All heavy atoms as atom14 arrays in JSON, in Angstrom:
{
  "sequence": "AHQPDTEAAASTLVRRLTQQLATERRKHRED",
  "atom14_mask": [
    [1, 1, 1, 1, 1, 0, 0, 0, 0, 0, 0, 0, 0, 0],
    [1, 1, 1, 1, 1, 1, 1, 1, 1, 1, 0, 0, 0, 0],
    [1, 1, 1, 1, 1, 1, 1, 1, 1, 0, 0, 0, 0, 0],
    [1, 1, 1, 1, 1, 1, 1, 0, 0, 0, 0, 0, 0, 0],
    [1, 1, 1, 1, 1, 1, 1, 1, 0, 0, 0, 0, 0, 0],
    [1, 1, 1, 1, 1, 1, 1, 0, 0, 0, 0, 0, 0, 0],
    [1, 1, 1, 1, 1, 1, 1, 1, 1, 0, 0, 0, 0, 0],
    [1, 1, 1, 1, 1, 0, 0, 0, 0, 0, 0, 0, 0, 0],
    [1, 1, 1, 1, 1, 0, 0, 0, 0, 0, 0, 0, 0, 0],
    [1, 1, 1, 1, 1, 0, 0, 0, 0, 0, 0, 0, 0, 0],
    [1, 1, 1, 1, 1, 1, 0, 0, 0, 0, 0, 0, 0, 0],
    [1, 1, 1, 1, 1, 1, 1, 0, 0, 0, 0, 0, 0, 0],
    [1, 1, 1, 1, 1, 1, 1, 1, 0, 0, 0, 0, 0, 0],
    [1, 1, 1, 1, 1, 1, 1, 0, 0, 0, 0, 0, 0, 0],
    [1, 1, 1, 1, 1, 1, 1, 1, 1, 1, 1, 0, 0, 0],
    [1, 1, 1, 1, 1, 1, 1, 1, 1, 1, 1, 0, 0, 0],
    [1, 1, 1, 1, 1, 1, 1, 1, 0, 0, 0, 0, 0, 0],
    [1, 1, 1, 1, 1, 1, 1, 0, 0, 0, 0, 0, 0, 0],
    [1, 1, 1, 1, 1, 1, 1, 1, 1, 0, 0, 0, 0, 0],
    [1, 1, 1, 1, 1, 1, 1, 1, 1, 0, 0, 0, 0, 0],
    [1, 1, 1, 1, 1, 1, 1, 1, 0, 0, 0, 0, 0, 0],
    [1, 1, 1, 1, 1, 0, 0, 0, 0, 0, 0, 0, 0, 0],
    [1, 1, 1, 1, 1, 1, 1, 0, 0, 0, 0, 0, 0, 0],
    [1, 1, 1, 1, 1, 1, 1, 1, 1, 0, 0, 0, 0, 0],
    [1, 1, 1, 1, 1, 1, 1, 1, 1, 1, 1, 0, 0, 0],
    [1, 1, 1, 1, 1, 1, 1, 1, 1, 1, 1, 0, 0, 0],
    [1, 1, 1, 1, 1, 1, 1, 1, 1, 0, 0, 0, 0, 0],
    [1, 1, 1, 1, 1, 1, 1, 1, 1, 1, 0, 0, 0, 0],
    [1, 1, 1, 1, 1, 1, 1, 1, 1, 1, 1, 0, 0, 0],
    [1, 1, 1, 1, 1, 1, 1, 1, 1, 0, 0, 0, 0, 0],
    [1, 1, 1, 1, 1, 1, 1, 1, 0, 0, 0, 0, 0, 0]
  ],
  "atom14_positions": [
    [[4.97, -20.69, 1.07], [4.11, -20.06, 1.97], [4.28, -18.45, 1.7], [3.28, -17.85, 2.11], [4.58, -20.35, 3.38], [0.0, 0.0, 0.0], [0.0, 0.0, 0.0], [0.0, 0.0, 0.0], [0.0, 0.0, 0.0], [0.0, 0.0, 0.0], [0.0, 0.0, 0.0], [0.0, 0.0, 0.0], [0.0, 0.0, 0.0], [0.0, 0.0, 0.0]],
    [[5.32, -17.98, 0.94], [5.4, -16.65, 0.79], [5.37, -16.26, -0.78], [6.12, -15.6, -1.25], [6.76, -16.24, 1.39], [6.93, -16.28, 2.85], [6.28, -15.61, 3.68], [7.67, -17.3, 3.56], [6.48, -16.04, 4.93], [7.33, -16.93, 4.88], [0.0, 0.0, 0.0], [0.0, 0.0, 0.0], [0.0, 0.0, 0.0], [0.0, 0.0, 0.0]],
    [[4.34, -16.84, -1.4], [4.17, -16.53, -2.73], [3.73, -15.01, -2.88], [3.05, -14.51, -2.14], [3.14, -17.48, -3.32], [3.66, -18.85, -3.39], [2.54, -19.77, -3.91], [1.38, -19.44, -4.09], [2.92, -21.08, -4.28], [0.0, 0.0, 0.0], [0.0, 0.0, 0.0], [0.0, 0.0, 0.0], [0.0, 0.0, 0.0], [0.0, 0.0, 0.0]],
    [[4.04, -14.49, -4.03], [3.81, -13.02, -4.31], [2.23, -12.75, -4.3], [1.79, -11.8, -3.79], [4.38, -12.77, -5.68], [5.35, -13.8, -5.87], [5.01, -14.94, -5.12], [0.0, 0.0, 0.0], [0.0, 0.0, 0.0], [0.0, 0.0, 0.0], [0.0, 0.0, 0.0], [0.0, 0.0, 0.0], [0.0, 0.0, 0.0], [0.0, 0.0, 0.0]],
    [[1.51, -13.79, -4.72], [0.03, -13.58, -4.77], [-0.51, -13.48, -3.32], [-1.39, -12.69, -2.96], [-0.8, -14.67, -5.44], [-0.51, -14.74, -6.95], [-0.01, -13.57, -7.4], [-0.67, -15.74, -7.6], [0.0, 0.0, 0.0], [0.0, 0.0, 0.0], [0.0, 0.0, 0.0], [0.0, 0.0, 0.0], [0.0, 0.0, 0.0], [0.0, 0.0, 0.0]],
    [[0.03, -14.34, -2.43], [-0.52, -14.39, -0.93], [-0.03, -13.04, -0.4], [-0.8, -12.35, 0.38], [0.2, -15.49, -0.36], [-0.11, -16.64, -0.98], [-0.3, -15.6, 1.2], [0.0, 0.0, 0.0], [0.0, 0.0, 0.0], [0.0, 0.0, 0.0], [0.0, 0.0, 0.0], [0.0, 0.0, 0.0], [0.0, 0.0, 0.0], [0.0, 0.0, 0.0]],
    [[1.17, -12.53, -0.57], [1.7, -11.35, 0.12], [0.82, -10.15, -0.49], [0.48, -9.25, 0.15], [3.16, -11.16, -0.32], [3.97, -12.13, 0.56], [5.38, -11.96, 0.19], [5.84, -11.14, -0.58], [6.21, -12.88, 0.66], [0.0, 0.0, 0.0], [0.0, 0.0, 0.0], [0.0, 0.0, 0.0], [0.0, 0.0, 0.0], [0.0, 0.0, 0.0]],
    [[0.6, -10.17, -1.82], [-0.25, -9.11, -2.4], [-1.64, -8.99, -1.85], [-2.1, -7.85, -1.54], [-0.29, -9.22, -3.98], [0.0, 0.0, 0.0], [0.0, 0.0, 0.0], [0.0, 0.0, 0.0], [0.0, 0.0, 0.0], [0.0, 0.0, 0.0], [0.0, 0.0, 0.0], [0.0, 0.0, 0.0], [0.0, 0.0, 0.0], [0.0, 0.0, 0.0]],
    [[-2.2, -10.21, -1.62], [-3.58, -10.2, -1.1], [-3.51, -9.63, 0.28], [-4.45, -8.99, 0.76], [-4.14, -11.63, -1.14], [0.0, 0.0, 0.0], [0.0, 0.0, 0.0], [0.0, 0.0, 0.0], [0.0, 0.0, 0.0], [0.0, 0.0, 0.0], [0.0, 0.0, 0.0], [0.0, 0.0, 0.0], [0.0, 0.0, 0.0], [0.0, 0.0, 0.0]],
    [[-2.61, -10.09, 1.12], [-2.46, -9.7, 2.54], [-2.22, -8.22, 2.5], [-2.86, -7.39, 3.3], [-1.28, -10.4, 3.19], [0.0, 0.0, 0.0], [0.0, 0.0, 0.0], [0.0, 0.0, 0.0], [0.0, 0.0, 0.0], [0.0, 0.0, 0.0], [0.0, 0.0, 0.0], [0.0, 0.0, 0.0], [0.0, 0.0, 0.0], [0.0, 0.0, 0.0]],
    [[-1.41, -7.65, 1.7], [-1.06, -6.28, 1.58], [-2.46, -5.4, 1.14], [-2.63, -4.35, 1.87], [0.0, -5.98, 0.56], [0.21, -4.63, 0.39], [0.0, 0.0, 0.0], [0.0, 0.0, 0.0], [0.0, 0.0, 0.0], [0.0, 0.0, 0.0], [0.0, 0.0, 0.0], [0.0, 0.0, 0.0], [0.0, 0.0, 0.0], [0.0, 0.0, 0.0]],
    [[-3.1, -5.96, 0.24], [-4.39, -5.29, -0.22], [-5.47, -5.26, 1.0], [-6.04, -4.21, 1.21], [-5.05, -6.06, -1.34], [-4.0, -5.98, -2.45], [-6.27, -5.3, -1.84], [0.0, 0.0, 0.0], [0.0, 0.0, 0.0], [0.0, 0.0, 0.0], [0.0, 0.0, 0.0], [0.0, 0.0, 0.0], [0.0, 0.0, 0.0], [0.0, 0.0, 0.0]],
    [[-5.6, -6.38, 1.7], [-6.4, -6.47, 2.81], [-5.99, -5.55, 3.83], [-6.88, -4.8, 4.44], [-6.42, -7.93, 3.34], [-7.26, -8.03, 4.53], [-8.72, -7.85, 4.22], [-7.2, -9.56, 5.07], [0.0, 0.0, 0.0], [0.0, 0.0, 0.0], [0.0, 0.0, 0.0], [0.0, 0.0, 0.0], [0.0, 0.0, 0.0], [0.0, 0.0, 0.0]],
    [[-4.67, -5.44, 4.24], [-4.16, -4.51, 5.23], [-4.53, -3.13, 4.79], [-5.01, -2.21, 5.63], [-2.75, -4.71, 5.43], [-2.15, -3.62, 6.33], [-2.55, -6.03, 6.11], [0.0, 0.0, 0.0], [0.0, 0.0, 0.0], [0.0, 0.0, 0.0], [0.0, 0.0, 0.0], [0.0, 0.0, 0.0], [0.0, 0.0, 0.0], [0.0, 0.0, 0.0]],
    [[-4.23, -2.73, 3.61], [-4.58, -1.41, 3.12], [-5.98, -1.1, 3.16], [-6.38, 0.02, 3.58], [-3.98, -1.2, 1.62], [-4.02, 0.11, 1.09], [-3.23, 0.28, -0.25], [-3.16, -0.83, -1.13], [-2.2, -1.68, -1.28], [-1.11, -1.45, -0.67], [-2.35, -2.69, -2.18], [0.0, 0.0, 0.0], [0.0, 0.0, 0.0], [0.0, 0.0, 0.0]],
    [[-6.92, -1.95, 2.63], [-8.33, -1.73, 2.63], [-8.78, -1.5, 4.2], [-9.58, -0.67, 4.42], [-8.96, -2.86, 2.04], [-10.51, -2.62, 1.89], [-11.13, -3.64, 0.96], [-10.34, -4.81, 0.61], [-10.78, -6.02, 0.66], [-12.09, -6.31, 1.02], [-10.03, -7.01, 0.39], [0.0, 0.0, 0.0], [0.0, 0.0, 0.0], [0.0, 0.0, 0.0]],
    [[-8.36, -2.36, 5.09], [-8.79, -2.16, 6.53], [-8.23, -0.98, 7.11], [-8.96, -0.43, 7.95], [-8.34, -3.52, 7.26], [-9.03, -4.83, 6.96], [-8.45, -5.95, 7.73], [-10.5, -4.74, 7.36], [0.0, 0.0, 0.0], [0.0, 0.0, 0.0], [0.0, 0.0, 0.0], [0.0, 0.0, 0.0], [0.0, 0.0, 0.0], [0.0, 0.0, 0.0]],
    [[-6.99, -0.63, 6.81], [-6.44, 0.72, 7.32], [-7.27, 1.85, 6.76], [-7.62, 2.73, 7.59], [-4.94, 0.78, 6.84], [-4.24, -0.3, 7.29], [-4.41, 2.05, 7.32], [0.0, 0.0, 0.0], [0.0, 0.0, 0.0], [0.0, 0.0, 0.0], [0.0, 0.0, 0.0], [0.0, 0.0, 0.0], [0.0, 0.0, 0.0], [0.0, 0.0, 0.0]],
    [[-7.71, 1.86, 5.55], [-8.47, 2.96, 5.01], [-9.93, 2.91, 5.6], [-10.46, 3.98, 6.04], [-8.68, 2.76, 3.48], [-7.55, 3.07, 2.67], [-7.67, 2.64, 1.2], [-8.56, 2.1, 0.77], [-6.65, 3.13, 0.43], [0.0, 0.0, 0.0], [0.0, 0.0, 0.0], [0.0, 0.0, 0.0], [0.0, 0.0, 0.0], [0.0, 0.0, 0.0]],
    [[-10.39, 1.81, 5.99], [-11.81, 1.6, 6.68], [-11.63, 2.24, 8.0], [-12.5, 2.82, 8.47], [-12.19, 0.14, 6.55], [-13.6, -0.03, 7.15], [-14.02, -1.44, 7.14], [-13.36, -2.38, 6.69], [-15.21, -1.72, 7.58], [0.0, 0.0, 0.0], [0.0, 0.0, 0.0], [0.0, 0.0, 0.0], [0.0, 0.0, 0.0], [0.0, 0.0, 0.0]],
    [[-10.59, 1.88, 8.67], [-10.38, 2.38, 10.1], [-10.23, 3.79, 10.06], [-10.79, 4.53, 10.98], [-9.07, 1.66, 10.67], [-8.78, 2.01, 12.14], [-9.89, 1.61, 13.14], [-7.53, 1.36, 12.52], [0.0, 0.0, 0.0], [0.0, 0.0, 0.0], [0.0, 0.0, 0.0], [0.0, 0.0, 0.0], [0.0, 0.0, 0.0], [0.0, 0.0, 0.0]],
    [[-9.5, 4.37, 9.1], [-9.35, 5.87, 9.12], [-10.74, 6.53, 8.9], [-11.07, 7.54, 9.44], [-8.31, 6.19, 7.98], [0.0, 0.0, 0.0], [0.0, 0.0, 0.0], [0.0, 0.0, 0.0], [0.0, 0.0, 0.0], [0.0, 0.0, 0.0], [0.0, 0.0, 0.0], [0.0, 0.0, 0.0], [0.0, 0.0, 0.0], [0.0, 0.0, 0.0]],
    [[-11.44, 5.91, 7.99], [-12.82, 6.41, 7.63], [-13.77, 6.46, 8.9], [-14.39, 7.42, 9.33], [-13.58, 5.8, 6.55], [-12.71, 5.82, 5.42], [-14.91, 6.29, 6.19], [0.0, 0.0, 0.0], [0.0, 0.0, 0.0], [0.0, 0.0, 0.0], [0.0, 0.0, 0.0], [0.0, 0.0, 0.0], [0.0, 0.0, 0.0], [0.0, 0.0, 0.0]],
    [[-13.7, 5.28, 9.66], [-14.5, 5.17, 10.85], [-14.04, 6.12, 11.95], [-14.91, 6.68, 12.63], [-14.47, 3.78, 11.35], [-15.08, 2.71, 10.51], [-16.63, 2.93, 10.41], [-17.22, 3.25, 11.43], [-17.31, 2.71, 9.39], [0.0, 0.0, 0.0], [0.0, 0.0, 0.0], [0.0, 0.0, 0.0], [0.0, 0.0, 0.0], [0.0, 0.0, 0.0]],
    [[-12.76, 6.31, 12.05], [-12.3, 7.25, 13.09], [-12.7, 8.69, 12.75], [-13.02, 9.44, 13.66], [-10.75, 7.16, 13.11], [-10.29, 6.0, 13.88], [-8.75, 5.99, 13.91], [-8.16, 4.91, 14.76], [-7.07, 4.42, 14.81], [-6.11, 5.12, 14.17], [-6.68, 3.47, 15.65], [0.0, 0.0, 0.0], [0.0, 0.0, 0.0], [0.0, 0.0, 0.0]],
    [[-12.61, 9.16, 11.47], [-12.94, 10.45, 11.0], [-14.47, 10.66, 11.39], [-14.94, 11.64, 11.95], [-12.71, 10.68, 9.48], [-13.12, 12.1, 9.06], [-12.9, 12.24, 7.51], [-13.2, 11.18, 6.73], [-14.43, 10.73, 6.32], [-15.42, 11.39, 6.82], [-14.62, 9.7, 5.54], [0.0, 0.0, 0.0], [0.0, 0.0, 0.0], [0.0, 0.0, 0.0]],
    [[-15.39, 9.7, 11.04], [-16.76, 9.76, 11.36], [-16.98, 9.76, 12.8], [-17.9, 10.64, 13.21], [-17.43, 8.48, 10.7], [-18.95, 8.47, 10.77], [-19.53, 7.12, 10.17], [-21.01, 7.2, 10.21], [-21.51, 6.79, 11.51], [0.0, 0.0, 0.0], [0.0, 0.0, 0.0], [0.0, 0.0, 0.0], [0.0, 0.0, 0.0], [0.0, 0.0, 0.0]],
    [[-16.31, 9.07, 13.6], [-16.49, 9.1, 14.93], [-16.09, 10.51, 15.59], [-16.88, 11.09, 16.31], [-15.58, 8.04, 15.64], [-15.59, 8.06, 16.99], [-16.67, 7.63, 17.82], [-14.68, 8.43, 18.04], [-16.41, 7.81, 19.18], [-15.16, 8.38, 19.24], [0.0, 0.0, 0.0], [0.0, 0.0, 0.0], [0.0, 0.0, 0.0], [0.0, 0.0, 0.0]],
    [[-14.97, 11.16, 15.01], [-14.64, 12.42, 15.53], [-15.81, 13.44, 15.13], [-16.01, 14.32, 15.97], [-13.38, 12.9, 14.88], [-12.16, 12.19, 15.58], [-10.78, 12.94, 15.13], [-10.53, 12.82, 13.72], [-9.91, 11.82, 13.06], [-9.4, 10.86, 13.81], [-9.74, 11.78, 11.75], [0.0, 0.0, 0.0], [0.0, 0.0, 0.0], [0.0, 0.0, 0.0]],
    [[-16.3, 13.26, 13.93], [-17.4, 14.22, 13.49], [-18.56, 14.09, 14.47], [-19.21, 15.08, 14.77], [-17.68, 14.01, 12.07], [-16.66, 14.42, 11.08], [-16.85, 13.98, 9.67], [-17.99, 13.27, 9.41], [-16.16, 14.24, 8.83], [0.0, 0.0, 0.0], [0.0, 0.0, 0.0], [0.0, 0.0, 0.0], [0.0, 0.0, 0.0], [0.0, 0.0, 0.0]],
    [[-18.96, 12.84, 14.62], [-20.09, 12.66, 15.56], [-19.89, 13.19, 16.94], [-20.82, 13.88, 17.46], [-20.42, 11.1, 15.64], [-20.86, 10.59, 14.4], [-21.28, 11.26, 13.43], [-20.92, 9.18, 14.25], [0.0, 0.0, 0.0], [0.0, 0.0, 0.0], [0.0, 0.0, 0.0], [0.0, 0.0, 0.0], [0.0, 0.0, 0.0], [0.0, 0.0, 0.0]]
  ]
}
């Protein structure tokens, strides 16, 4: 259940979603 591929995919997804959230927040502040 804790294979490195699974953890890496989860980590990549979290990182991508965190970046997307930061971008959306910045855009919201500008608006």
